């Protein structure tokens, strides 16, 4: 959604684009405030799964929004979902690897995350050029929703970690 946001916001000009980014950011702030309460009710896997489905719905809605207000509301909700996904995955990346490899694990996590966003933006832009922005966002939403099914067999959090000390002495 974020890679195609300039095209979605084109009818509203630069100010509209800024407002949409502001709504996304405000949603992320509100999501960060709500995250501790969500974690009391849901597991990390539950939060990520729910947030992905919300982000998928808002991605679809952004492509079909008839008014600027609906687009702002979808960006607000998408921002909250986005921070929920990223915060949980960041914590998982920090806690899943052995302590002595934590910095390397985080560097690879960030490399894959940022690289995936760059490659994905190129892909979604090419698809939007071919089928149009609304349909490209619809495909993205469907791919996100299908991705939640892949979570069923793969937990984000480990139930049994064998912590290894950061300093090993002979």
N, C-alpha and C. Protein backbone atom coordinates (compact mmCIF):
# COMPACT_ATOMS: atom_id res chain seq x y z
N UNK A 1 0.82 -1.19 0.00
CA UNK A 1 0.00 0.00 0.00
C UNK A 1 0.87 1.25 0.00
N UNK A 2 1.90 1.25 0.82
CA UNK A 2 2.73 2.44 0.93
C UNK A 2 3.48 2.74 -0.37
N UNK A 3 3.84 1.71 -1.10
CA UNK A 3 4.57 1.95 -2.35
C UNK A 3 3.65 2.56 -3.41
N UNK A 4 2.37 2.30 -3.34
CA UNK A 4 1.43 2.85 -4.31
C UNK A 4 0.71 4.09 -3.78
N UNK A 5 1.01 4.49 -2.57
CA UNK A 5 0.33 5.65 -1.97
C UNK A 5 0.47 6.93 -2.79
N UNK A 6 1.62 7.21 -3.38
CA UNK A 6 1.68 8.43 -4.21
C UNK A 6 0.67 8.41 -5.37
N UNK A 7 0.42 7.24 -5.93
CA UNK A 7 -0.56 7.14 -7.01
C UNK A 7 -1.98 7.26 -6.48
N UNK A 8 -2.22 6.68 -5.30
CA UNK A 8 -3.55 6.79 -4.69
C UNK A 8 -3.84 8.25 -4.34
N UNK A 9 -2.83 8.96 -3.86
CA UNK A 9 -3.01 10.34 -3.39
C UNK A 9 -2.93 11.37 -4.49
N UNK A 10 -2.59 10.98 -5.70
CA UNK A 10 -2.41 11.95 -6.79
C UNK A 10 -3.59 12.91 -6.95
N UNK A 11 -4.85 12.44 -6.88
CA UNK A 11 -5.97 13.39 -7.05
C UNK A 11 -6.05 14.44 -5.94
N UNK A 12 -5.41 14.19 -4.81
CA UNK A 12 -5.50 15.10 -3.67
C UNK A 12 -4.29 16.00 -3.54
N UNK A 13 -3.33 15.84 -4.41
CA UNK A 13 -2.15 16.70 -4.43
C UNK A 13 -1.17 16.38 -3.30
N UNK A 14 -0.16 17.24 -3.23
CA UNK A 14 0.90 17.03 -2.24
C UNK A 14 0.37 17.15 -0.81
N UNK A 15 -0.53 18.07 -0.58
CA UNK A 15 -1.10 18.23 0.76
C UNK A 15 -1.89 16.98 1.15
N UNK A 16 -2.65 16.45 0.23
CA UNK A 16 -3.41 15.23 0.49
C UNK A 16 -2.50 14.05 0.79
N UNK A 17 -1.40 13.96 0.05
CA UNK A 17 -0.43 12.90 0.30
C UNK A 17 0.15 13.03 1.71
N UNK A 18 0.47 14.25 2.10
CA UNK A 18 0.99 14.49 3.45
C UNK A 18 -0.02 14.14 4.52
N UNK A 19 -1.28 14.47 4.29
CA UNK A 19 -2.33 14.14 5.26
C UNK A 19 -2.47 12.63 5.37
N UNK A 20 -2.42 11.92 4.24
CA UNK A 20 -2.54 10.47 4.27
C UNK A 20 -1.37 9.83 5.02
N UNK A 21 -0.16 10.33 4.79
CA UNK A 21 0.99 9.83 5.54
C UNK A 21 0.85 10.16 7.03
N UNK A 22 0.32 11.33 7.33
CA UNK A 22 0.08 11.71 8.72
C UNK A 22 -0.94 10.79 9.38
N UNK A 23 -2.00 10.42 8.65
CA UNK A 23 -2.99 9.49 9.18
C UNK A 23 -2.36 8.13 9.45
N UNK A 24 -1.50 7.69 8.54
CA UNK A 24 -0.80 6.42 8.73
C UNK A 24 0.08 6.49 9.98
N UNK A 25 0.82 7.57 10.13
CA UNK A 25 1.68 7.75 11.30
C UNK A 25 0.89 7.85 12.59
N UNK A 26 -0.22 8.57 12.57
CA UNK A 26 -1.07 8.67 13.76
C UNK A 26 -1.63 7.29 14.12
N UNK A 27 -2.02 6.53 13.11
CA UNK A 27 -2.50 5.17 13.36
C UNK A 27 -1.41 4.31 13.99
N UNK A 28 -0.16 4.50 13.53
CA UNK A 28 0.95 3.74 14.12
C UNK A 28 1.14 4.12 15.59
N UNK A 29 1.03 5.40 15.89
CA UNK A 29 1.16 5.83 17.29
C UNK A 29 0.04 5.24 18.15
N UNK A 30 -1.18 5.30 17.65
CA UNK A 30 -2.31 4.74 18.40
C UNK A 30 -2.17 3.23 18.54
N UNK A 31 -1.68 2.58 17.50
CA UNK A 31 -1.46 1.14 17.57
C UNK A 31 -0.40 0.78 18.59
N UNK A 32 0.65 1.60 18.67
CA UNK A 32 1.69 1.34 19.67
C UNK A 32 1.15 1.47 21.08
N UNK A 33 0.23 2.40 21.28
CA UNK A 33 -0.39 2.58 22.61
C UNK A 33 -1.29 1.38 22.93
N UNK A 34 -1.98 0.87 21.92
CA UNK A 34 -2.92 -0.24 22.13
C UNK A 34 -2.23 -1.60 22.19
N UNK A 35 -1.00 -1.69 21.72
CA UNK A 35 -0.33 -2.99 21.62
C UNK A 35 -0.20 -3.73 22.96
N UNK A 36 0.15 -3.08 24.06
CA UNK A 36 0.24 -3.83 25.33
C UNK A 36 -1.10 -4.47 25.75
N UNK A 37 -2.20 -3.77 25.53
CA UNK A 37 -3.50 -4.34 25.86
C UNK A 37 -3.83 -5.52 24.95
N UNK A 38 -3.47 -5.41 23.67
CA UNK A 38 -3.70 -6.52 22.74
C UNK A 38 -2.88 -7.74 23.13
N UNK A 39 -1.65 -7.50 23.57
CA UNK A 39 -0.77 -8.61 23.95
C UNK A 39 -1.27 -9.33 25.20
N UNK A 40 -2.05 -8.64 26.04
CA UNK A 40 -2.65 -9.30 27.19
C UNK A 40 -3.74 -10.28 26.75
N UNK A 41 -4.39 -9.98 25.64
CA UNK A 41 -5.51 -10.79 25.16
C UNK A 41 -5.10 -11.83 24.12
N UNK A 42 -4.07 -11.52 23.33
CA UNK A 42 -3.67 -12.39 22.22
C UNK A 42 -2.19 -12.75 22.32
N UNK A 43 -1.84 -13.87 21.72
CA UNK A 43 -0.43 -14.24 21.61
C UNK A 43 0.23 -13.36 20.54
N UNK A 44 1.54 -13.44 20.45
CA UNK A 44 2.24 -12.71 19.39
C UNK A 44 1.73 -13.16 18.03
N UNK A 45 1.56 -14.46 17.86
CA UNK A 45 1.03 -14.98 16.59
C UNK A 45 -0.37 -14.43 16.32
N UNK A 46 -1.19 -14.34 17.36
CA UNK A 46 -2.53 -13.79 17.20
C UNK A 46 -2.53 -12.33 16.82
N UNK A 47 -1.66 -11.55 17.45
CA UNK A 47 -1.57 -10.12 17.13
C UNK A 47 -1.11 -9.95 15.69
N UNK A 48 -0.08 -10.68 15.29
CA UNK A 48 0.44 -10.54 13.92
C UNK A 48 -0.61 -10.99 12.91
N UNK A 49 -1.26 -12.11 13.15
CA UNK A 49 -2.29 -12.59 12.23
C UNK A 49 -3.44 -11.60 12.09
N UNK A 50 -3.93 -11.10 13.21
CA UNK A 50 -5.03 -10.12 13.17
C UNK A 50 -4.58 -8.83 12.48
N UNK A 51 -3.36 -8.38 12.79
CA UNK A 51 -2.87 -7.14 12.18
C UNK A 51 -2.67 -7.29 10.68
N UNK A 52 -2.22 -8.45 10.24
CA UNK A 52 -2.07 -8.68 8.80
C UNK A 52 -3.44 -8.64 8.12
N UNK A 53 -4.44 -9.26 8.73
CA UNK A 53 -5.78 -9.24 8.13
C UNK A 53 -6.35 -7.82 8.10
N UNK A 54 -6.11 -7.04 9.15
CA UNK A 54 -6.56 -5.64 9.14
C UNK A 54 -5.83 -4.86 8.05
N UNK A 55 -4.51 -5.06 7.96
CA UNK A 55 -3.74 -4.36 6.94
C UNK A 55 -4.21 -4.77 5.54
N UNK A 56 -4.53 -6.05 5.35
CA UNK A 56 -5.05 -6.52 4.06
C UNK A 56 -6.37 -5.82 3.73
N UNK A 57 -7.27 -5.76 4.70
CA UNK A 57 -8.57 -5.10 4.47
C UNK A 57 -8.39 -3.62 4.16
N UNK A 58 -7.48 -2.96 4.85
CA UNK A 58 -7.25 -1.53 4.61
C UNK A 58 -6.54 -1.30 3.28
N UNK A 59 -5.70 -2.24 2.87
CA UNK A 59 -5.06 -2.15 1.56
C UNK A 59 -6.12 -2.22 0.47
N UNK A 60 -7.04 -3.16 0.61
CA UNK A 60 -8.14 -3.28 -0.34
C UNK A 60 -8.99 -2.02 -0.33
N UNK A 61 -9.33 -1.54 0.88
CA UNK A 61 -10.16 -0.34 1.02
C UNK A 61 -9.50 0.88 0.41
N UNK A 62 -8.18 1.00 0.56
CA UNK A 62 -7.47 2.16 0.01
C UNK A 62 -7.59 2.19 -1.52
N UNK A 63 -7.61 1.03 -2.12
CA UNK A 63 -7.74 0.98 -3.58
C UNK A 63 -9.14 1.28 -4.07
N UNK A 64 -10.12 1.15 -3.21
CA UNK A 64 -11.52 1.33 -3.60
C UNK A 64 -12.18 2.53 -2.93
N UNK A 65 -11.43 3.30 -2.14
CA UNK A 65 -12.02 4.41 -1.38
C UNK A 65 -12.63 5.45 -2.32
N UNK A 66 -13.88 5.79 -2.03
CA UNK A 66 -14.60 6.76 -2.87
C UNK A 66 -14.37 8.19 -2.42
N UNK A 67 -14.01 8.38 -1.15
CA UNK A 67 -13.81 9.73 -0.62
C UNK A 67 -12.47 9.81 0.09
N UNK A 68 -12.02 11.02 0.27
CA UNK A 68 -10.77 11.26 0.98
C UNK A 68 -10.89 10.85 2.44
N UNK A 69 -12.06 11.05 3.04
CA UNK A 69 -12.26 10.68 4.44
C UNK A 69 -12.14 9.17 4.64
N UNK A 70 -12.71 8.40 3.73
CA UNK A 70 -12.59 6.93 3.82
C UNK A 70 -11.14 6.52 3.65
N UNK A 71 -10.43 7.18 2.74
CA UNK A 71 -9.01 6.89 2.53
C UNK A 71 -8.20 7.22 3.78
N UNK A 72 -8.51 8.33 4.42
CA UNK A 72 -7.82 8.70 5.67
C UNK A 72 -8.08 7.67 6.76
N UNK A 73 -9.33 7.22 6.88
CA UNK A 73 -9.67 6.22 7.89
C UNK A 73 -8.95 4.91 7.63
N UNK A 74 -8.86 4.52 6.36
CA UNK A 74 -8.16 3.27 6.05
C UNK A 74 -6.67 3.41 6.34
N UNK A 75 -6.09 4.57 6.10
CA UNK A 75 -4.67 4.78 6.40
C UNK A 75 -4.43 4.78 7.91
N UNK A 76 -5.36 5.32 8.66
CA UNK A 76 -5.25 5.32 10.12
C UNK A 76 -5.23 3.89 10.65
N UNK A 77 -6.19 3.08 10.21
CA UNK A 77 -6.24 1.68 10.65
C UNK A 77 -5.03 0.89 10.15
N UNK A 78 -4.59 1.17 8.93
CA UNK A 78 -3.42 0.48 8.38
C UNK A 78 -2.17 0.80 9.18
N UNK A 79 -2.03 2.03 9.62
CA UNK A 79 -0.88 2.40 10.44
C UNK A 79 -0.85 1.65 11.75
N UNK A 80 -2.01 1.48 12.37
CA UNK A 80 -2.07 0.72 13.62
C UNK A 80 -1.71 -0.74 13.40
N UNK A 81 -2.19 -1.31 12.31
CA UNK A 81 -1.86 -2.70 11.99
C UNK A 81 -0.38 -2.85 11.67
N UNK A 82 0.15 -1.89 10.93
CA UNK A 82 1.56 -1.92 10.52
C UNK A 82 2.49 -1.97 11.73
N UNK A 83 2.23 -1.12 12.71
CA UNK A 83 3.12 -1.09 13.87
C UNK A 83 2.96 -2.37 14.68
N UNK A 84 1.78 -2.93 14.72
CA UNK A 84 1.58 -4.20 15.41
C UNK A 84 2.39 -5.32 14.78
N UNK A 85 2.39 -5.37 13.46
CA UNK A 85 3.16 -6.38 12.74
C UNK A 85 4.65 -6.18 12.98
N UNK A 86 5.13 -4.97 12.74
CA UNK A 86 6.57 -4.72 12.85
C UNK A 86 7.09 -4.87 14.27
N UNK A 87 6.33 -4.42 15.26
CA UNK A 87 6.79 -4.53 16.64
C UNK A 87 6.91 -5.99 17.05
N UNK A 88 5.92 -6.79 16.71
CA UNK A 88 5.96 -8.20 17.08
C UNK A 88 7.07 -8.95 16.35
N UNK A 89 7.24 -8.68 15.06
CA UNK A 89 8.29 -9.36 14.31
C UNK A 89 9.67 -8.92 14.79
N UNK A 90 9.81 -7.67 15.17
CA UNK A 90 11.09 -7.18 15.68
C UNK A 90 11.45 -7.88 16.98
N UNK A 91 10.49 -8.00 17.88
CA UNK A 91 10.73 -8.70 19.14
C UNK A 91 11.06 -10.17 18.87
N UNK A 92 10.33 -10.79 17.96
CA UNK A 92 10.60 -12.19 17.63
C UNK A 92 12.01 -12.36 17.08
N UNK A 93 12.43 -11.44 16.21
CA UNK A 93 13.78 -11.52 15.65
C UNK A 93 14.83 -11.38 16.75
N UNK A 94 14.56 -10.56 17.74
CA UNK A 94 15.52 -10.35 18.82
C UNK A 94 15.57 -11.53 19.78
N UNK A 95 14.47 -12.22 19.95
CA UNK A 95 14.43 -13.26 20.97
C UNK A 95 14.60 -14.68 20.43
N UNK A 96 14.44 -14.88 19.14
CA UNK A 96 14.49 -16.23 18.59
C UNK A 96 15.91 -16.74 18.40
N UNK A 97 16.83 -15.88 18.09
CA UNK A 97 18.20 -16.32 17.85
C UNK A 97 19.00 -16.42 19.13
N UNK A 98 20.09 -17.18 19.08
CA UNK A 98 20.96 -17.24 20.27
C UNK A 98 21.52 -15.86 20.60
N UNK A 99 21.77 -15.64 21.87
CA UNK A 99 22.24 -14.34 22.34
C UNK A 99 23.51 -13.92 21.62
N UNK A 100 24.43 -14.85 21.42
CA UNK A 100 25.71 -14.49 20.82
C UNK A 100 25.59 -14.16 19.33
N UNK A 101 24.44 -14.44 18.72
CA UNK A 101 24.22 -14.09 17.31
C UNK A 101 23.17 -13.00 17.13
N UNK A 102 22.71 -12.41 18.22
CA UNK A 102 21.59 -11.48 18.16
C UNK A 102 21.82 -10.32 17.19
N UNK A 103 22.98 -9.72 17.21
CA UNK A 103 23.25 -8.59 16.30
C UNK A 103 23.20 -9.04 14.84
N UNK A 104 23.73 -10.20 14.55
CA UNK A 104 23.69 -10.71 13.17
C UNK A 104 22.27 -11.05 12.75
N UNK A 105 21.51 -11.65 13.66
CA UNK A 105 20.12 -11.98 13.36
C UNK A 105 19.34 -10.70 13.04
N UNK A 106 19.52 -9.68 13.87
CA UNK A 106 18.81 -8.42 13.63
C UNK A 106 19.25 -7.76 12.32
N UNK A 107 20.54 -7.84 12.00
CA UNK A 107 21.00 -7.23 10.75
C UNK A 107 20.39 -7.95 9.55
N UNK A 108 20.30 -9.28 9.60
CA UNK A 108 19.68 -10.01 8.50
C UNK A 108 18.18 -9.74 8.44
N UNK A 109 17.55 -9.66 9.59
CA UNK A 109 16.12 -9.34 9.64
C UNK A 109 15.85 -8.00 8.96
N UNK A 110 16.63 -6.99 9.33
CA UNK A 110 16.43 -5.66 8.74
C UNK A 110 16.78 -5.65 7.25
N UNK A 111 17.81 -6.39 6.86
CA UNK A 111 18.17 -6.47 5.44
C UNK A 111 17.03 -7.09 4.63
N UNK A 112 16.47 -8.18 5.13
CA UNK A 112 15.37 -8.83 4.42
C UNK A 112 14.13 -7.94 4.42
N UNK A 113 13.84 -7.30 5.55
CA UNK A 113 12.66 -6.43 5.63
C UNK A 113 12.77 -5.26 4.65
N UNK A 114 13.87 -4.53 4.71
CA UNK A 114 14.04 -3.36 3.85
C UNK A 114 14.21 -3.76 2.38
N UNK A 115 14.98 -4.81 2.15
CA UNK A 115 15.15 -5.29 0.77
C UNK A 115 13.85 -5.80 0.19
N UNK A 116 13.08 -6.51 1.02
CA UNK A 116 11.78 -6.99 0.56
C UNK A 116 10.83 -5.86 0.23
N UNK A 117 10.89 -4.79 1.01
CA UNK A 117 10.03 -3.64 0.72
C UNK A 117 10.45 -2.98 -0.59
N UNK A 118 11.74 -2.88 -0.84
CA UNK A 118 12.21 -2.26 -2.09
C UNK A 118 11.84 -3.11 -3.30
N UNK A 119 12.09 -4.40 -3.22
CA UNK A 119 11.75 -5.29 -4.33
C UNK A 119 10.23 -5.35 -4.50
N UNK A 120 9.53 -5.43 -3.38
CA UNK A 120 8.07 -5.46 -3.44
C UNK A 120 7.48 -4.21 -4.06
N UNK A 121 8.04 -3.04 -3.73
CA UNK A 121 7.54 -1.79 -4.31
C UNK A 121 7.70 -1.80 -5.82
N UNK A 122 8.81 -2.34 -6.29
CA UNK A 122 9.02 -2.44 -7.73
C UNK A 122 7.98 -3.37 -8.36
N UNK A 123 7.76 -4.50 -7.73
CA UNK A 123 6.78 -5.45 -8.24
C UNK A 123 5.38 -4.85 -8.26
N UNK A 124 4.96 -4.24 -7.14
CA UNK A 124 3.61 -3.69 -7.07
C UNK A 124 3.43 -2.52 -8.03
N UNK A 125 4.47 -1.74 -8.22
CA UNK A 125 4.40 -0.66 -9.21
C UNK A 125 4.22 -1.19 -10.62
N UNK A 126 4.96 -2.23 -10.96
CA UNK A 126 4.83 -2.84 -12.29
C UNK A 126 3.44 -3.45 -12.47
N UNK A 127 2.94 -4.11 -11.43
CA UNK A 127 1.60 -4.69 -11.52
C UNK A 127 0.54 -3.59 -11.64
N UNK A 128 0.70 -2.51 -10.88
CA UNK A 128 -0.26 -1.40 -10.95
C UNK A 128 -0.26 -0.78 -12.35
N UNK A 129 0.90 -0.71 -12.97
CA UNK A 129 0.96 -0.16 -14.33
C UNK A 129 0.21 -1.07 -15.31
N UNK A 130 0.26 -2.36 -15.06
CA UNK A 130 -0.38 -3.33 -15.95
C UNK A 130 -1.88 -3.44 -15.73
N UNK A 131 -2.31 -3.54 -14.45
CA UNK A 131 -3.73 -3.81 -14.17
C UNK A 131 -4.46 -2.64 -13.51
N UNK A 132 -3.73 -1.61 -13.11
CA UNK A 132 -4.34 -0.48 -12.42
C UNK A 132 -4.10 -0.57 -10.92
N UNK A 133 -4.12 0.59 -10.27
CA UNK A 133 -3.83 0.66 -8.84
C UNK A 133 -4.88 -0.10 -8.00
N UNK A 134 -6.18 0.08 -8.24
CA UNK A 134 -7.15 -0.64 -7.40
C UNK A 134 -7.00 -2.16 -7.47
N UNK A 135 -6.78 -2.68 -8.67
CA UNK A 135 -6.64 -4.12 -8.80
C UNK A 135 -5.32 -4.62 -8.21
N UNK A 136 -4.25 -3.84 -8.36
CA UNK A 136 -2.97 -4.22 -7.75
C UNK A 136 -3.10 -4.27 -6.23
N UNK A 137 -3.81 -3.30 -5.66
CA UNK A 137 -4.02 -3.32 -4.21
C UNK A 137 -4.92 -4.49 -3.80
N UNK A 138 -5.86 -4.85 -4.65
CA UNK A 138 -6.70 -6.03 -4.39
C UNK A 138 -5.88 -7.31 -4.38
N UNK A 139 -4.95 -7.44 -5.32
CA UNK A 139 -4.06 -8.60 -5.35
C UNK A 139 -3.18 -8.62 -4.11
N UNK A 140 -2.66 -7.44 -3.73
CA UNK A 140 -1.82 -7.35 -2.53
C UNK A 140 -2.61 -7.76 -1.29
N UNK A 141 -3.85 -7.30 -1.19
CA UNK A 141 -4.68 -7.66 -0.04
C UNK A 141 -4.93 -9.17 0.00
N UNK A 142 -5.20 -9.75 -1.15
CA UNK A 142 -5.42 -11.20 -1.20
C UNK A 142 -4.15 -11.96 -0.82
N UNK A 143 -3.00 -11.49 -1.29
CA UNK A 143 -1.73 -12.15 -0.94
C UNK A 143 -1.46 -12.06 0.56
N UNK A 144 -1.76 -10.91 1.17
CA UNK A 144 -1.60 -10.77 2.61
C UNK A 144 -2.51 -11.73 3.36
N UNK A 145 -3.76 -11.81 2.94
CA UNK A 145 -4.71 -12.69 3.62
C UNK A 145 -4.29 -14.15 3.47
N UNK A 146 -3.81 -14.53 2.30
CA UNK A 146 -3.33 -15.90 2.11
C UNK A 146 -2.08 -16.17 2.93
N UNK A 147 -1.28 -15.15 3.13
CA UNK A 147 -0.07 -15.29 3.95
C UNK A 147 -0.38 -15.67 5.38
N UNK A 148 -1.54 -15.25 5.87
CA UNK A 148 -1.94 -15.61 7.24
C UNK A 148 -2.14 -17.12 7.34
N UNK A 149 -2.59 -17.74 6.26
CA UNK A 149 -2.75 -19.20 6.29
C UNK A 149 -1.40 -19.89 6.47
N UNK A 150 -0.35 -19.31 5.95
CA UNK A 150 0.99 -19.90 6.09
C UNK A 150 1.46 -19.86 7.53
N UNK A 151 0.91 -18.97 8.33
CA UNK A 151 1.29 -18.87 9.74
C UNK A 151 0.82 -20.07 10.54
N UNK A 152 -0.18 -20.78 10.06
CA UNK A 152 -0.76 -21.88 10.83
C UNK A 152 0.27 -22.94 11.20
N UNK A 153 1.18 -23.24 10.31
CA UNK A 153 2.17 -24.27 10.60
C UNK A 153 3.49 -23.74 11.12
N UNK A 154 3.61 -22.43 11.22
CA UNK A 154 4.87 -21.82 11.62
C UNK A 154 4.62 -20.75 12.68
N UNK A 155 5.01 -21.06 13.89
CA UNK A 155 4.83 -20.09 14.98
C UNK A 155 5.90 -19.01 14.90
N UNK A 156 5.54 -17.81 15.28
CA UNK A 156 6.49 -16.70 15.30
C UNK A 156 7.34 -16.77 16.55
N UNK A 157 6.74 -17.19 17.63
CA UNK A 157 7.48 -17.26 18.90
C UNK A 157 7.83 -18.71 19.21
N UNK A 158 8.97 -18.89 19.78
CA UNK A 158 9.39 -20.23 20.19
C UNK A 158 8.89 -20.49 21.60
N UNK A 159 8.45 -21.70 21.84
CA UNK A 159 8.01 -22.03 23.19
C UNK A 159 9.17 -22.52 24.04
N UNK A 160 10.19 -23.06 23.39
CA UNK A 160 11.34 -23.57 24.12
C UNK A 160 12.61 -22.98 23.53
N UNK A 161 13.19 -22.03 24.21
CA UNK A 161 14.46 -21.45 23.79
C UNK A 161 15.55 -21.93 24.74
N UNK A 162 16.68 -22.25 24.18
CA UNK A 162 17.82 -22.65 24.98
C UNK A 162 18.80 -21.49 24.99
N UNK A 163 18.66 -20.57 25.95
CA UNK A 163 19.53 -19.39 25.94
C UNK A 163 20.99 -19.79 26.15
N UNK A 164 21.82 -19.22 25.34
CA UNK A 164 23.27 -19.45 25.45
C UNK A 164 23.88 -18.16 25.98
N UNK A 165 24.78 -18.25 26.93
CA UNK A 165 25.36 -17.02 27.48
C UNK A 165 26.08 -16.21 26.42
N UNK A 166 26.00 -14.88 26.57
CA UNK A 166 26.65 -13.99 25.60
C UNK A 166 28.16 -14.10 25.66
N UNK A 167 28.69 -14.43 26.80
CA UNK A 167 30.14 -14.56 26.95
C UNK A 167 30.44 -16.02 27.29
N UNK A 168 31.26 -16.63 26.48
CA UNK A 168 31.63 -18.02 26.70
C UNK A 168 33.06 -18.04 27.21
N UNK A 169 33.23 -18.66 28.37
CA UNK A 169 34.56 -18.75 28.96
C UNK A 169 35.02 -20.20 28.99
N UNK A 170 36.25 -20.43 28.63
CA UNK A 170 36.80 -21.80 28.69
C UNK A 170 37.26 -22.14 30.07
